N, C-alpha and C. Protein backbone atom coordinates (compact mmCIF):
# COMPACT_ATOMS: atom_id res chain seq x y z
N MET A 1 91.58 75.30 6.90
CA MET A 1 91.18 75.52 5.19
C MET A 1 91.57 76.96 4.79
N ALA A 2 91.81 77.20 3.80
CA ALA A 2 92.43 78.42 2.96
C ALA A 2 91.11 78.62 2.61
N VAL A 3 91.24 80.81 2.92
CA VAL A 3 89.48 80.96 2.12
C VAL A 3 90.32 81.75 1.13
N THR A 4 89.37 81.23 -0.33
CA THR A 4 89.93 82.03 -1.44
C THR A 4 89.12 83.89 -1.37
N PRO A 5 90.20 84.80 -1.31
CA PRO A 5 89.95 85.76 -1.50
C PRO A 5 88.91 86.38 -2.05
N ILE A 6 88.00 87.74 -1.97
CA ILE A 6 87.15 87.90 -2.96
C ILE A 6 88.05 89.15 -4.03
N ARG A 7 87.81 88.66 -5.55
CA ARG A 7 88.78 88.95 -6.64
C ARG A 7 88.42 90.21 -6.76
N VAL A 8 88.81 91.85 -6.84
CA VAL A 8 88.24 92.76 -6.36
C VAL A 8 88.74 93.77 -7.86
N LEU A 9 88.51 94.24 -9.15
CA LEU A 9 88.64 95.06 -9.76
C LEU A 9 88.42 96.60 -9.20
N ILE A 10 89.19 97.87 -9.05
CA ILE A 10 88.69 98.79 -8.99
C ILE A 10 88.69 99.98 -10.29
N ALA A 11 87.67 100.43 -10.36
CA ALA A 11 87.65 101.94 -11.60
C ALA A 11 87.39 102.72 -11.41
N ASP A 12 88.38 104.00 -11.16
CA ASP A 12 88.30 105.45 -10.51
C ASP A 12 88.66 105.92 -11.68
N ASP A 13 88.67 107.48 -12.17
CA ASP A 13 89.74 108.00 -12.99
C ASP A 13 90.52 108.88 -12.00
N HIS A 14 90.94 108.89 -10.63
CA HIS A 14 91.57 109.54 -9.85
C HIS A 14 92.84 108.68 -9.37
N PRO A 15 93.43 108.65 -9.55
CA PRO A 15 94.69 108.00 -9.05
C PRO A 15 94.76 108.04 -7.65
N VAL A 16 94.31 109.15 -7.17
CA VAL A 16 94.71 108.78 -5.68
C VAL A 16 93.50 108.47 -5.14
N VAL A 17 92.58 107.92 -5.21
CA VAL A 17 91.09 107.44 -5.01
C VAL A 17 91.94 106.13 -5.56
N ARG A 18 91.76 105.91 -6.24
CA ARG A 18 92.57 103.79 -6.95
C ARG A 18 93.49 104.19 -5.43
N ILE A 19 94.48 104.22 -5.30
CA ILE A 19 95.47 104.20 -4.41
C ILE A 19 94.87 104.05 -3.35
N GLY A 20 93.75 105.18 -2.84
CA GLY A 20 93.53 105.22 -1.40
C GLY A 20 92.64 103.72 -0.96
N LEU A 21 91.79 103.06 -2.03
CA LEU A 21 91.52 102.73 -1.89
C LEU A 21 91.84 100.96 -1.62
N ARG A 22 92.49 100.87 -3.09
CA ARG A 22 93.77 99.58 -2.78
C ARG A 22 94.19 99.54 -1.52
N ASN A 23 94.68 100.37 -0.98
CA ASN A 23 95.38 100.49 0.24
C ASN A 23 94.34 100.38 1.33
N MET A 24 93.42 100.29 1.36
CA MET A 24 92.19 99.87 2.77
C MET A 24 91.94 98.79 2.24
N LEU A 25 91.73 98.09 1.32
CA LEU A 25 90.78 96.72 0.65
C LEU A 25 92.58 95.58 0.90
N GLN A 26 93.69 95.87 0.84
CA GLN A 26 94.86 95.30 0.92
C GLN A 26 94.62 95.04 2.77
N SER A 27 94.53 95.90 3.56
CA SER A 27 94.45 95.57 4.53
C SER A 27 93.72 94.42 5.31
N ASP A 28 92.51 93.90 4.56
CA ASP A 28 91.49 92.52 4.40
C ASP A 28 92.13 91.35 4.06
N SER A 29 92.48 90.24 4.65
CA SER A 29 92.75 89.81 3.90
C SER A 29 91.85 88.84 3.25
N GLN A 30 90.53 89.16 3.37
CA GLN A 30 89.65 87.91 2.60
C GLN A 30 89.28 89.20 1.48
N ILE A 31 90.14 90.00 1.18
CA ILE A 31 89.77 90.90 -0.43
C ILE A 31 91.03 91.51 -0.83
N LYS A 32 91.14 90.55 -1.90
CA LYS A 32 92.12 90.97 -2.81
C LYS A 32 91.89 92.01 -4.36
N VAL A 33 93.03 92.96 -4.27
CA VAL A 33 92.56 93.70 -5.39
C VAL A 33 93.30 93.50 -6.64
N ILE A 34 92.76 92.89 -7.70
CA ILE A 34 93.57 92.30 -9.15
C ILE A 34 93.83 93.45 -9.87
N ALA A 35 93.40 94.52 -10.12
CA ALA A 35 93.67 95.30 -11.39
C ALA A 35 92.93 96.56 -10.91
N GLU A 36 93.22 97.51 -11.38
CA GLU A 36 92.93 98.95 -11.51
C GLU A 36 92.37 99.75 -12.72
N ALA A 37 91.50 100.48 -13.14
CA ALA A 37 91.22 100.92 -14.58
C ALA A 37 90.67 102.68 -14.21
N LYS A 38 91.10 103.19 -15.19
CA LYS A 38 91.14 104.74 -14.95
C LYS A 38 90.06 105.16 -15.75
N ASP A 39 89.18 104.59 -16.49
CA ASP A 39 87.90 105.03 -17.18
C ASP A 39 87.06 103.76 -17.44
N GLY A 40 85.72 103.80 -18.09
CA GLY A 40 84.79 102.61 -18.07
C GLY A 40 85.59 101.98 -19.19
N VAL A 41 86.19 102.26 -20.49
CA VAL A 41 86.62 101.60 -21.63
C VAL A 41 87.35 100.22 -20.60
N GLU A 42 88.76 100.99 -19.88
CA GLU A 42 89.39 100.21 -19.32
C GLU A 42 88.87 98.52 -18.52
N ALA A 43 87.69 99.57 -17.92
CA ALA A 43 86.50 98.44 -16.87
C ALA A 43 85.99 97.58 -17.78
N LEU A 44 85.65 97.75 -18.50
CA LEU A 44 85.24 96.37 -18.99
C LEU A 44 85.90 95.72 -19.65
N HIS A 45 86.72 96.80 -20.71
CA HIS A 45 87.95 95.44 -20.87
C HIS A 45 88.30 94.42 -19.73
N MET A 46 88.53 95.15 -18.61
CA MET A 46 89.41 94.05 -17.53
C MET A 46 88.15 93.55 -17.02
N VAL A 47 87.01 93.26 -16.89
CA VAL A 47 85.61 92.59 -16.21
C VAL A 47 86.24 90.78 -17.45
N ARG A 48 86.21 91.68 -18.57
CA ARG A 48 86.04 90.45 -19.55
C ARG A 48 87.28 89.66 -19.85
N THR A 49 88.15 90.16 -19.46
CA THR A 49 89.63 89.46 -19.21
C THR A 49 89.62 88.72 -18.19
N LEU A 50 89.54 89.77 -17.03
CA LEU A 50 90.51 89.17 -15.75
C LEU A 50 88.86 88.55 -14.78
N ARG A 51 87.72 88.86 -15.14
CA ARG A 51 86.27 88.11 -14.34
C ARG A 51 86.39 88.59 -13.19
N PRO A 52 86.61 89.62 -12.30
CA PRO A 52 86.80 89.73 -11.23
C PRO A 52 85.01 89.13 -10.24
N ASP A 53 85.22 89.06 -8.44
CA ASP A 53 84.54 89.05 -8.41
C ASP A 53 83.64 90.29 -8.05
N ILE A 54 83.72 91.02 -8.09
CA ILE A 54 83.57 93.00 -7.80
C ILE A 54 83.89 93.62 -8.39
N LEU A 55 83.44 94.15 -8.73
CA LEU A 55 84.10 95.64 -9.70
C LEU A 55 83.59 97.04 -8.83
N LEU A 56 84.10 97.53 -8.38
CA LEU A 56 84.00 98.83 -7.80
C LEU A 56 83.95 100.43 -8.98
N LEU A 57 82.82 100.52 -9.10
CA LEU A 57 82.63 101.44 -10.40
C LEU A 57 81.99 103.13 -9.74
N ASP A 58 83.37 103.56 -10.28
CA ASP A 58 82.85 105.16 -10.41
C ASP A 58 81.55 105.52 -11.14
N LEU A 59 80.57 106.55 -11.15
CA LEU A 59 80.12 106.96 -12.03
C LEU A 59 80.79 107.78 -13.07
N ALA A 60 81.54 108.63 -12.14
CA ALA A 60 81.73 109.72 -13.12
C ALA A 60 83.36 109.56 -13.71
N MET A 61 83.23 109.32 -15.05
CA MET A 61 84.69 108.83 -15.46
C MET A 61 84.88 109.09 -16.78
N PRO A 62 86.02 109.39 -17.71
CA PRO A 62 85.87 109.98 -19.18
C PRO A 62 85.80 109.18 -19.93
N ARG A 63 86.04 108.94 -20.98
CA ARG A 63 85.50 108.11 -22.14
C ARG A 63 84.10 107.40 -21.84
N MET A 64 84.20 106.54 -21.49
CA MET A 64 82.59 105.81 -20.91
C MET A 64 82.35 106.07 -19.66
N PRO A 65 81.17 107.10 -19.16
CA PRO A 65 80.80 107.02 -17.90
C PRO A 65 80.30 105.88 -17.55
N GLY A 66 80.60 105.72 -15.66
CA GLY A 66 80.10 104.61 -15.22
C GLY A 66 78.79 103.82 -15.36
N MET A 67 77.69 104.79 -15.95
CA MET A 67 76.40 104.16 -15.88
C MET A 67 76.20 103.80 -17.22
N GLU A 68 77.11 104.39 -18.25
CA GLU A 68 77.52 103.34 -19.10
C GLU A 68 77.90 102.06 -19.60
N ALA A 69 79.05 101.95 -19.04
CA ALA A 69 79.42 100.87 -18.49
C ALA A 69 78.72 99.91 -17.56
N LEU A 70 78.02 100.47 -17.06
CA LEU A 70 77.46 99.93 -16.17
C LEU A 70 76.05 98.55 -17.09
N ARG A 71 75.69 99.55 -18.34
CA ARG A 71 74.46 99.38 -18.62
C ARG A 71 75.01 98.33 -19.92
N GLU A 72 76.26 98.29 -20.43
CA GLU A 72 77.21 97.29 -21.36
C GLU A 72 77.27 96.37 -20.14
N LEU A 73 78.07 95.91 -19.25
CA LEU A 73 78.46 94.90 -18.70
C LEU A 73 76.80 93.96 -18.46
N THR A 74 75.62 94.78 -17.97
CA THR A 74 74.57 94.26 -17.77
C THR A 74 74.07 93.18 -18.54
N ALA A 75 74.01 93.74 -20.02
CA ALA A 75 73.79 93.58 -21.46
C ALA A 75 74.56 92.43 -21.57
N ASN A 76 75.93 92.73 -21.22
CA ASN A 76 76.71 91.62 -22.05
C ASN A 76 76.46 89.94 -20.90
N GLY A 77 75.78 90.26 -19.97
CA GLY A 77 76.04 89.09 -18.77
C GLY A 77 77.12 89.13 -17.68
N GLY A 78 77.47 87.93 -17.57
CA GLY A 78 78.73 87.26 -16.60
C GLY A 78 78.62 87.30 -15.38
N THR A 79 79.73 87.33 -14.25
CA THR A 79 79.23 86.81 -12.80
C THR A 79 79.83 88.28 -12.17
N THR A 80 80.82 89.07 -12.55
CA THR A 80 81.14 90.03 -11.93
C THR A 80 79.69 90.96 -11.56
N ARG A 81 80.02 91.07 -9.98
CA ARG A 81 78.56 92.01 -9.23
C ARG A 81 79.71 93.25 -9.60
N THR A 82 78.57 94.59 -9.30
CA THR A 82 79.03 95.85 -9.50
C THR A 82 78.85 96.80 -7.96
N ILE A 83 79.68 97.10 -7.67
CA ILE A 83 79.35 98.40 -6.53
C ILE A 83 79.39 99.80 -7.52
N VAL A 84 78.79 100.22 -7.09
CA VAL A 84 78.67 101.51 -7.91
C VAL A 84 79.69 102.63 -6.44
N LEU A 85 80.34 103.58 -6.66
CA LEU A 85 80.81 104.59 -5.86
C LEU A 85 80.73 105.90 -6.64
N THR A 86 80.25 106.63 -5.50
CA THR A 86 79.55 108.03 -5.92
C THR A 86 80.04 108.72 -4.70
N GLY A 87 80.25 109.88 -5.36
CA GLY A 87 79.98 111.22 -4.48
C GLY A 87 79.56 111.97 -3.55
N HIS A 88 77.69 112.27 -4.23
CA HIS A 88 76.71 112.45 -3.75
C HIS A 88 75.89 111.47 -3.67
N VAL A 89 74.90 111.74 -2.71
CA VAL A 89 73.54 111.38 -3.07
C VAL A 89 72.43 111.58 -4.06
N ASP A 90 72.13 110.69 -5.45
CA ASP A 90 71.22 111.32 -6.39
C ASP A 90 70.29 110.39 -6.22
N LYS A 91 68.69 110.15 -5.71
CA LYS A 91 68.35 109.22 -5.40
C LYS A 91 68.06 108.60 -7.13
N ARG A 92 67.65 109.62 -8.32
CA ARG A 92 67.54 109.28 -9.67
C ARG A 92 68.47 108.05 -10.43
N GLN A 93 69.54 108.97 -9.32
CA GLN A 93 70.50 107.99 -10.45
C GLN A 93 71.07 106.56 -9.51
N ILE A 94 70.90 106.61 -8.63
CA ILE A 94 71.10 105.73 -7.70
C ILE A 94 70.30 104.33 -7.84
N LEU A 95 68.68 105.04 -8.55
CA LEU A 95 67.45 103.91 -8.64
C LEU A 95 67.96 103.56 -10.13
N GLU A 96 68.46 104.55 -11.21
CA GLU A 96 69.22 103.70 -12.82
C GLU A 96 70.02 102.69 -12.58
N ALA A 97 71.23 103.11 -11.68
CA ALA A 97 72.22 101.92 -11.03
C ALA A 97 72.02 100.90 -10.92
N LEU A 98 70.78 100.43 -9.78
CA LEU A 98 70.37 99.36 -9.65
C LEU A 98 69.39 98.81 -10.54
N GLN A 99 68.75 99.37 -11.31
CA GLN A 99 67.69 99.14 -12.25
C GLN A 99 68.52 98.30 -13.77
N LEU A 100 70.10 98.76 -13.79
CA LEU A 100 70.69 98.48 -14.86
C LEU A 100 71.50 97.25 -14.03
N GLY A 101 71.41 96.84 -12.95
CA GLY A 101 71.84 96.18 -12.17
C GLY A 101 73.18 95.76 -11.24
N ALA A 102 73.07 97.19 -10.93
CA ALA A 102 74.49 97.33 -9.38
C ALA A 102 73.97 96.52 -8.33
N ARG A 103 74.75 96.34 -7.52
CA ARG A 103 74.54 95.28 -6.35
C ARG A 103 74.98 96.43 -5.12
N GLY A 104 75.21 97.16 -5.07
CA GLY A 104 75.51 98.14 -4.15
C GLY A 104 75.93 99.65 -4.58
N VAL A 105 75.61 100.33 -3.67
CA VAL A 105 76.26 101.72 -3.94
C VAL A 105 76.56 102.79 -2.21
N VAL A 106 77.62 102.94 -2.87
CA VAL A 106 78.48 102.97 -1.24
C VAL A 106 79.30 104.80 -1.86
N LEU A 107 78.83 105.69 -0.76
CA LEU A 107 79.25 106.98 -1.04
C LEU A 107 80.88 106.57 -0.99
N LYS A 108 81.68 107.95 -1.66
CA LYS A 108 82.83 107.70 -1.42
C LYS A 108 83.55 108.39 0.08
N ASP A 109 82.61 109.16 0.12
CA ASP A 109 82.84 109.60 1.94
C ASP A 109 82.74 108.66 3.41
N ALA A 110 82.06 107.65 2.74
CA ALA A 110 81.68 106.66 3.64
C ALA A 110 82.51 104.86 3.40
N VAL A 111 83.29 105.39 2.48
CA VAL A 111 83.96 103.94 1.83
C VAL A 111 84.82 103.05 3.01
N VAL A 112 85.28 104.05 3.85
CA VAL A 112 86.22 103.58 4.93
C VAL A 112 85.36 102.56 5.60
N ALA A 113 84.28 103.39 6.19
CA ALA A 113 83.05 102.95 7.14
C ALA A 113 82.26 101.54 6.48
N HIS A 114 81.90 101.37 5.56
CA HIS A 114 81.30 100.24 4.67
C HIS A 114 81.73 100.19 3.67
N LEU A 115 82.64 100.13 2.98
CA LEU A 115 82.90 98.85 1.90
C LEU A 115 83.08 97.45 1.80
N SER A 116 84.15 97.70 2.60
CA SER A 116 84.30 96.13 2.94
C SER A 116 83.10 95.16 3.48
N ALA A 117 82.73 95.55 4.39
CA ALA A 117 81.34 95.30 4.73
C ALA A 117 79.65 95.01 3.31
N CYS A 118 80.04 96.07 2.59
CA CYS A 118 79.16 96.12 1.49
C CYS A 118 79.48 95.26 0.37
N ILE A 119 80.90 95.14 0.22
CA ILE A 119 81.53 93.89 -0.50
C ILE A 119 81.21 92.43 -0.04
N ARG A 120 81.28 92.37 1.60
CA ARG A 120 80.76 90.84 1.37
C ARG A 120 79.47 90.72 1.50
N ALA A 121 78.47 91.73 2.18
CA ALA A 121 76.98 91.38 1.65
C ALA A 121 76.90 91.08 0.12
N VAL A 122 77.24 91.77 -0.67
CA VAL A 122 76.85 91.75 -2.06
C VAL A 122 77.70 89.78 -2.69
N MET A 123 78.47 89.77 -2.25
CA MET A 123 79.28 88.75 -2.45
C MET A 123 78.10 87.47 -1.79
N GLN A 124 77.35 87.81 -0.47
CA GLN A 124 76.94 86.83 -0.04
C GLN A 124 75.21 87.21 -0.89
N GLY A 125 75.58 87.60 -1.68
CA GLY A 125 73.81 87.86 -2.38
C GLY A 125 73.12 89.15 -1.99
N GLN A 126 73.37 89.72 -0.98
CA GLN A 126 72.44 90.66 -1.24
C GLN A 126 72.74 92.07 -1.69
N TYR A 127 72.24 92.82 -1.38
CA TYR A 127 72.28 94.50 -1.89
C TYR A 127 72.39 95.13 -0.87
N TRP A 128 72.80 96.59 -1.20
CA TRP A 128 73.56 97.39 0.14
C TRP A 128 73.04 98.95 -0.37
N LEU A 129 72.81 99.61 0.09
CA LEU A 129 72.63 101.04 0.06
C LEU A 129 72.39 101.63 1.09
N GLU A 130 72.71 102.88 1.80
CA GLU A 130 73.17 103.84 2.78
C GLU A 130 73.66 103.09 3.90
N GLY A 131 74.47 102.60 3.31
CA GLY A 131 75.13 101.89 4.92
C GLY A 131 74.61 100.55 5.15
N ARG A 132 73.80 99.97 4.50
CA ARG A 132 73.38 98.71 5.23
C ARG A 132 72.96 97.96 4.40
N PRO A 133 73.15 96.60 4.06
CA PRO A 133 72.21 95.19 3.96
C PRO A 133 70.93 95.74 3.44
N VAL A 134 70.41 95.54 2.07
CA VAL A 134 69.04 95.60 1.80
C VAL A 134 68.70 94.14 1.62
N GLN A 135 67.07 93.61 2.34
CA GLN A 135 66.42 92.60 2.39
C GLN A 135 65.52 92.62 1.45
N ASN A 136 64.81 94.23 1.27
CA ASN A 136 63.94 93.53 0.05
C ASN A 136 64.13 94.74 -1.16
N LEU A 137 64.59 94.20 -2.74
CA LEU A 137 65.09 95.21 -3.01
C LEU A 137 63.53 95.37 -3.98
N VAL A 138 62.75 94.83 -3.97
CA VAL A 138 62.17 95.40 -5.12
C VAL A 138 60.64 96.41 -4.63
N GLN A 139 60.92 96.16 -3.02
CA GLN A 139 60.32 97.64 -2.40
C GLN A 139 60.69 98.59 -1.95
N LEU A 140 62.54 98.52 -2.25
CA LEU A 140 63.34 99.67 -2.37
C LEU A 140 63.50 100.09 -3.39
N LEU A 141 63.67 99.89 -5.06
CA LEU A 141 62.74 100.30 -6.33
C LEU A 141 61.62 100.71 -5.78
N ARG A 142 60.66 100.22 -5.49
CA ARG A 142 59.44 100.94 -5.82
C ARG A 142 59.31 102.29 -4.87
N ASP A 143 60.00 102.61 -3.60
CA ASP A 143 60.20 103.58 -2.53
C ASP A 143 61.51 104.37 -3.79
N LEU A 144 62.27 103.96 -4.38
CA LEU A 144 63.04 105.41 -5.05
C LEU A 144 62.22 105.72 -5.82
N ALA A 145 61.73 104.94 -6.72
CA ALA A 145 60.58 105.11 -8.02
C ALA A 145 59.60 106.16 -7.99
N VAL A 146 59.33 106.51 -6.18
CA VAL A 146 58.14 107.60 -5.78
C VAL A 146 58.85 108.44 -4.90
N GLN A 147 60.41 108.46 -4.61
CA GLN A 147 60.72 109.50 -3.96
C GLN A 147 61.31 110.34 -5.31
N THR A 148 61.47 109.64 -6.40
CA THR A 148 62.31 110.19 -7.67
C THR A 148 61.28 111.02 -9.03
N ALA A 149 60.19 110.32 -8.98
CA ALA A 149 59.12 110.94 -9.75
C ALA A 149 58.81 112.15 -10.13
N PRO A 150 58.25 112.75 -11.19
CA PRO A 150 58.37 113.88 -11.08
C PRO A 150 57.10 114.43 -10.66
N PRO A 151 56.92 115.82 -9.81
CA PRO A 151 55.68 116.20 -9.28
C PRO A 151 54.39 116.23 -10.00
N PRO A 152 53.45 116.22 -9.91
CA PRO A 152 52.47 116.18 -10.68
C PRO A 152 51.66 117.22 -11.77
N ARG A 153 51.55 116.98 -12.67
CA ARG A 153 51.14 118.66 -13.25
C ARG A 153 50.19 119.17 -12.83
N LYS A 154 50.25 120.94 -12.47
CA LYS A 154 48.43 121.47 -11.96
C LYS A 154 48.13 121.94 -13.11
N THR A 155 46.96 121.80 -12.92
CA THR A 155 45.91 122.29 -13.86
C THR A 155 45.25 123.18 -13.87
N PHE A 156 45.28 124.08 -12.75
CA PHE A 156 44.38 125.18 -12.91
C PHE A 156 43.09 125.14 -13.15
N GLY A 157 42.77 124.06 -12.60
CA GLY A 157 40.88 124.09 -13.05
C GLY A 157 40.72 123.40 -14.52
N LEU A 158 41.42 123.29 -15.29
CA LEU A 158 41.35 122.97 -16.48
C LEU A 158 40.85 121.52 -17.00
N THR A 159 40.12 121.41 -17.74
CA THR A 159 40.00 119.68 -17.53
C THR A 159 40.37 119.58 -18.96
N ALA A 160 40.30 118.21 -18.96
CA ALA A 160 41.31 117.35 -20.10
C ALA A 160 41.56 117.56 -21.56
N ARG A 161 39.68 117.76 -21.43
CA ARG A 161 40.08 118.19 -22.87
C ARG A 161 40.55 119.89 -23.51
N GLU A 162 40.19 120.67 -22.15
CA GLU A 162 40.87 122.01 -22.18
C GLU A 162 42.56 121.98 -21.80
N LEU A 163 43.00 121.11 -21.28
CA LEU A 163 44.09 120.62 -21.64
C LEU A 163 44.90 120.41 -23.15
N GLU A 164 44.20 119.69 -23.88
CA GLU A 164 44.51 119.07 -25.07
C GLU A 164 44.61 120.43 -26.18
N VAL A 165 43.14 121.04 -25.83
CA VAL A 165 43.45 122.45 -26.69
C VAL A 165 44.54 123.33 -26.13
N VAL A 166 44.66 123.76 -24.85
CA VAL A 166 45.77 124.23 -24.59
C VAL A 166 47.54 123.45 -25.22
N THR A 167 47.87 122.85 -25.37
CA THR A 167 48.32 121.56 -26.57
C THR A 167 48.90 122.18 -27.75
N LEU A 168 47.28 122.10 -28.42
CA LEU A 168 47.30 122.15 -29.66
C LEU A 168 47.71 123.56 -30.43
N ILE A 169 47.42 124.75 -29.00
CA ILE A 169 47.54 126.26 -29.31
C ILE A 169 48.95 126.32 -28.77
N THR A 170 49.26 125.57 -28.24
CA THR A 170 51.30 125.94 -28.21
C THR A 170 51.46 125.19 -29.55
N GLU A 171 51.27 124.35 -30.46
CA GLU A 171 51.78 123.80 -31.12
C GLU A 171 51.33 124.69 -32.69
N GLY A 172 50.55 125.81 -32.50
CA GLY A 172 49.86 127.04 -33.57
C GLY A 172 49.09 126.20 -34.04
N SER A 173 48.45 125.55 -34.05
CA SER A 173 46.95 125.07 -34.09
C SER A 173 46.32 126.26 -34.51
N THR A 174 45.19 126.35 -35.35
CA THR A 174 43.66 127.47 -35.39
C THR A 174 42.91 126.53 -34.91
N ASN A 175 41.83 127.97 -35.10
CA ASN A 175 40.17 126.69 -34.15
C ASN A 175 39.71 125.76 -35.52
N LYS A 176 39.56 125.94 -36.49
CA LYS A 176 39.43 125.01 -37.53
C LYS A 176 40.39 123.35 -37.24
N HIS A 177 41.21 124.06 -37.20
CA HIS A 177 42.30 122.45 -36.98
C HIS A 177 41.90 121.82 -35.79
N ILE A 178 42.00 122.50 -34.81
CA ILE A 178 41.64 121.79 -33.17
C ILE A 178 40.05 121.21 -33.34
N ALA A 179 39.21 121.97 -34.08
CA ALA A 179 37.50 121.48 -34.19
C ALA A 179 37.78 119.82 -35.02
N GLU A 180 38.68 120.22 -35.78
CA GLU A 180 38.65 118.79 -36.80
C GLU A 180 39.33 117.76 -35.88
N THR A 181 40.29 118.27 -35.20
CA THR A 181 41.30 117.28 -34.53
C THR A 181 40.52 116.21 -33.63
N PHE A 182 39.23 117.08 -32.90
CA PHE A 182 38.41 116.15 -31.56
C PHE A 182 37.47 116.70 -32.21
N GLY A 183 36.90 116.29 -33.55
CA GLY A 183 35.53 116.00 -34.25
C GLY A 183 34.44 117.13 -33.71
N ILE A 184 34.63 118.12 -33.27
CA ILE A 184 33.84 119.70 -32.91
C ILE A 184 33.78 120.78 -33.41
N SER A 185 32.53 121.10 -33.31
CA SER A 185 32.19 122.67 -33.90
C SER A 185 33.97 123.66 -33.66
N GLU A 186 33.18 124.81 -34.53
CA GLU A 186 34.44 125.63 -34.32
C GLU A 186 34.28 126.58 -32.83
N GLU A 187 32.75 126.78 -32.53
CA GLU A 187 31.49 127.56 -31.62
C GLU A 187 32.71 126.78 -30.46
N THR A 188 32.27 125.52 -30.47
CA THR A 188 32.61 124.91 -29.03
C THR A 188 34.15 124.87 -28.71
N VAL A 189 35.15 125.07 -29.98
CA VAL A 189 36.66 125.23 -29.53
C VAL A 189 36.93 126.51 -28.62
N LYS A 190 35.85 127.41 -29.78
CA LYS A 190 35.74 129.28 -28.75
C LYS A 190 35.72 128.87 -27.31
N ARG A 191 34.38 128.47 -27.41
CA ARG A 191 33.74 128.12 -26.11
C ARG A 191 35.15 127.85 -24.86
N HIS A 192 35.77 126.69 -25.73
CA HIS A 192 36.92 126.21 -24.36
C HIS A 192 37.81 127.25 -24.13
N LEU A 193 38.48 127.90 -25.34
CA LEU A 193 39.27 129.18 -25.59
C LEU A 193 39.03 130.19 -24.42
N THR A 194 37.91 130.49 -24.33
CA THR A 194 37.19 131.41 -23.76
C THR A 194 37.17 130.94 -21.77
N ASN A 195 36.94 129.74 -21.86
CA ASN A 195 36.88 129.29 -20.25
C ASN A 195 38.51 129.29 -19.90
N ILE A 196 38.95 128.72 -20.58
CA ILE A 196 40.94 128.69 -20.20
C ILE A 196 41.18 129.88 -20.14
N PHE A 197 41.08 130.85 -20.90
CA PHE A 197 41.70 132.43 -21.14
C PHE A 197 41.17 133.16 -19.40
N ASN A 198 39.96 132.91 -18.83
CA ASN A 198 39.34 132.70 -18.05
C ASN A 198 39.55 132.22 -17.05
N LYS A 199 39.76 131.00 -16.81
CA LYS A 199 41.11 130.38 -15.56
C LYS A 199 42.32 130.83 -15.69
N LEU A 200 42.82 130.59 -16.59
CA LEU A 200 44.27 131.60 -16.23
C LEU A 200 44.41 132.72 -16.20
N GLY A 201 43.62 133.41 -16.70
CA GLY A 201 43.78 134.86 -16.21
C GLY A 201 44.87 135.61 -18.03
N VAL A 202 44.62 135.01 -18.60
CA VAL A 202 45.43 135.10 -19.94
C VAL A 202 44.55 135.45 -21.06
N GLY A 203 45.11 137.01 -21.76
CA GLY A 203 44.16 137.35 -23.06
C GLY A 203 44.05 137.04 -24.06
N ASN A 204 45.10 135.96 -24.74
CA ASN A 204 45.15 135.81 -26.13
C ASN A 204 46.20 134.60 -25.74
N ARG A 205 46.25 134.07 -27.45
CA ARG A 205 47.11 133.12 -27.49
C ARG A 205 48.57 132.92 -27.19
N LEU A 206 49.00 134.08 -27.10
CA LEU A 206 50.45 134.15 -27.58
C LEU A 206 50.62 133.90 -25.75
N GLU A 207 49.46 134.75 -24.83
CA GLU A 207 50.04 134.57 -23.18
C GLU A 207 50.09 133.28 -22.77
N LEU A 208 48.71 132.65 -23.79
CA LEU A 208 48.71 130.92 -23.22
C LEU A 208 49.69 129.90 -23.99
N ALA A 209 49.95 130.56 -24.36
CA ALA A 209 51.67 129.31 -24.68
C ALA A 209 52.72 129.95 -23.49
N LEU A 210 52.35 131.29 -23.54
CA LEU A 210 53.79 131.54 -22.68
C LEU A 210 53.50 130.59 -21.29
N PHE A 211 51.69 131.07 -21.10
CA PHE A 211 51.90 130.58 -19.28
C PHE A 211 52.20 128.80 -19.43
N ALA A 212 51.50 128.39 -20.63
CA ALA A 212 51.73 126.95 -20.44
C ALA A 212 53.05 126.59 -20.19
N LEU A 213 53.44 126.77 -20.71
CA LEU A 213 55.62 126.79 -21.21
C LEU A 213 55.87 126.79 -19.64
N ASN A 214 55.71 128.01 -18.87
CA ASN A 214 55.90 128.38 -17.56
C ASN A 214 55.46 127.68 -16.65
N HIS A 215 54.54 127.26 -16.71
CA HIS A 215 53.06 126.70 -15.61
C HIS A 215 53.48 124.70 -15.97
N ASN A 216 54.00 124.22 -16.66
CA ASN A 216 54.51 123.08 -17.13
C ASN A 216 53.12 122.47 -17.52
N LEU A 217 52.40 123.43 -17.84
CA LEU A 217 51.05 122.49 -18.47
C LEU A 217 51.19 121.43 -19.57
N LEU A 218 52.06 121.49 -20.71
CA LEU A 218 52.34 120.63 -21.89
C LEU A 218 52.65 119.49 -20.85
N PRO A 219 52.38 118.57 -21.64
CA PRO A 219 52.80 116.83 -21.84
C PRO A 219 54.53 116.91 -22.21
N PRO A 220 55.22 115.89 -21.40
CA PRO A 220 56.73 115.90 -21.81
C PRO A 220 57.01 116.23 -23.07
N ALA A 221 56.44 115.22 -24.42
CA ALA A 221 56.66 115.05 -25.62
C ALA A 221 56.39 116.70 -26.23
N ALA A 222 55.26 117.26 -25.70
CA ALA A 222 55.06 118.51 -26.89
C ALA A 222 56.22 119.61 -25.97
N SER A 223 56.17 119.66 -24.67
CA SER A 223 57.43 120.84 -24.02
C SER A 223 58.52 120.36 -24.80
N ALA A 224 58.82 119.31 -25.53
CA ALA A 224 60.15 119.17 -25.66
C ALA A 224 60.00 119.58 -27.41
N ASP A 225 58.66 119.77 -27.44
CA ASP A 225 58.65 120.00 -29.18
C ASP A 225 58.63 121.59 -29.11
N VAL A 226 58.00 122.40 -28.53
CA VAL A 226 58.34 123.45 -28.12
C VAL A 226 59.40 124.40 -27.98
N SER A 227 60.22 123.65 -26.58
CA SER A 227 61.62 124.67 -26.66
C SER A 227 62.68 123.85 -27.75
């Protein structure tokens, strides 16, 4: 009984890469390359019209990067399963791709060894990462989230309230405004500032603001506003 081949769409902006992938996959009688796209926009159009089983998606493409194309594909639903092709290991990017619906990640320098096996694993409902099928996607996502989490902020011995005062100081707040914000007296604000100056080894508000920026003392939103 004849086996229906796995229909594959290749999306990569480099013609040499597309030709290489096509030639490699054509040697497998159970895989059929049905089309090629040179950017994310073409890839989206071909997925919608051709409905391939597998999309091999390069992340670095013009017009619409692979990650944006993946986001669109996931939002629109469909049965095509996406395998991401990337030139390097970026755990944060891999985590995002899996969260957006990618079923596998293959390094370009490992396609010869892994691509056919990855395609088969994904067609069987598995996920693929680091050259092998993934049995527990939830645990994998947890592990990647831990590995890509930003390092904890150093506090240099500052209390939670003192860190809040530091944030307001970098925003240009006066002692009066800080006192009103927290419902405390200005004398208490002065005591907080004295403690902060002593702990950080700074002598004035400008030095404090510069120290806070250089040592990641501010919460993300405040850091973005200051910069």
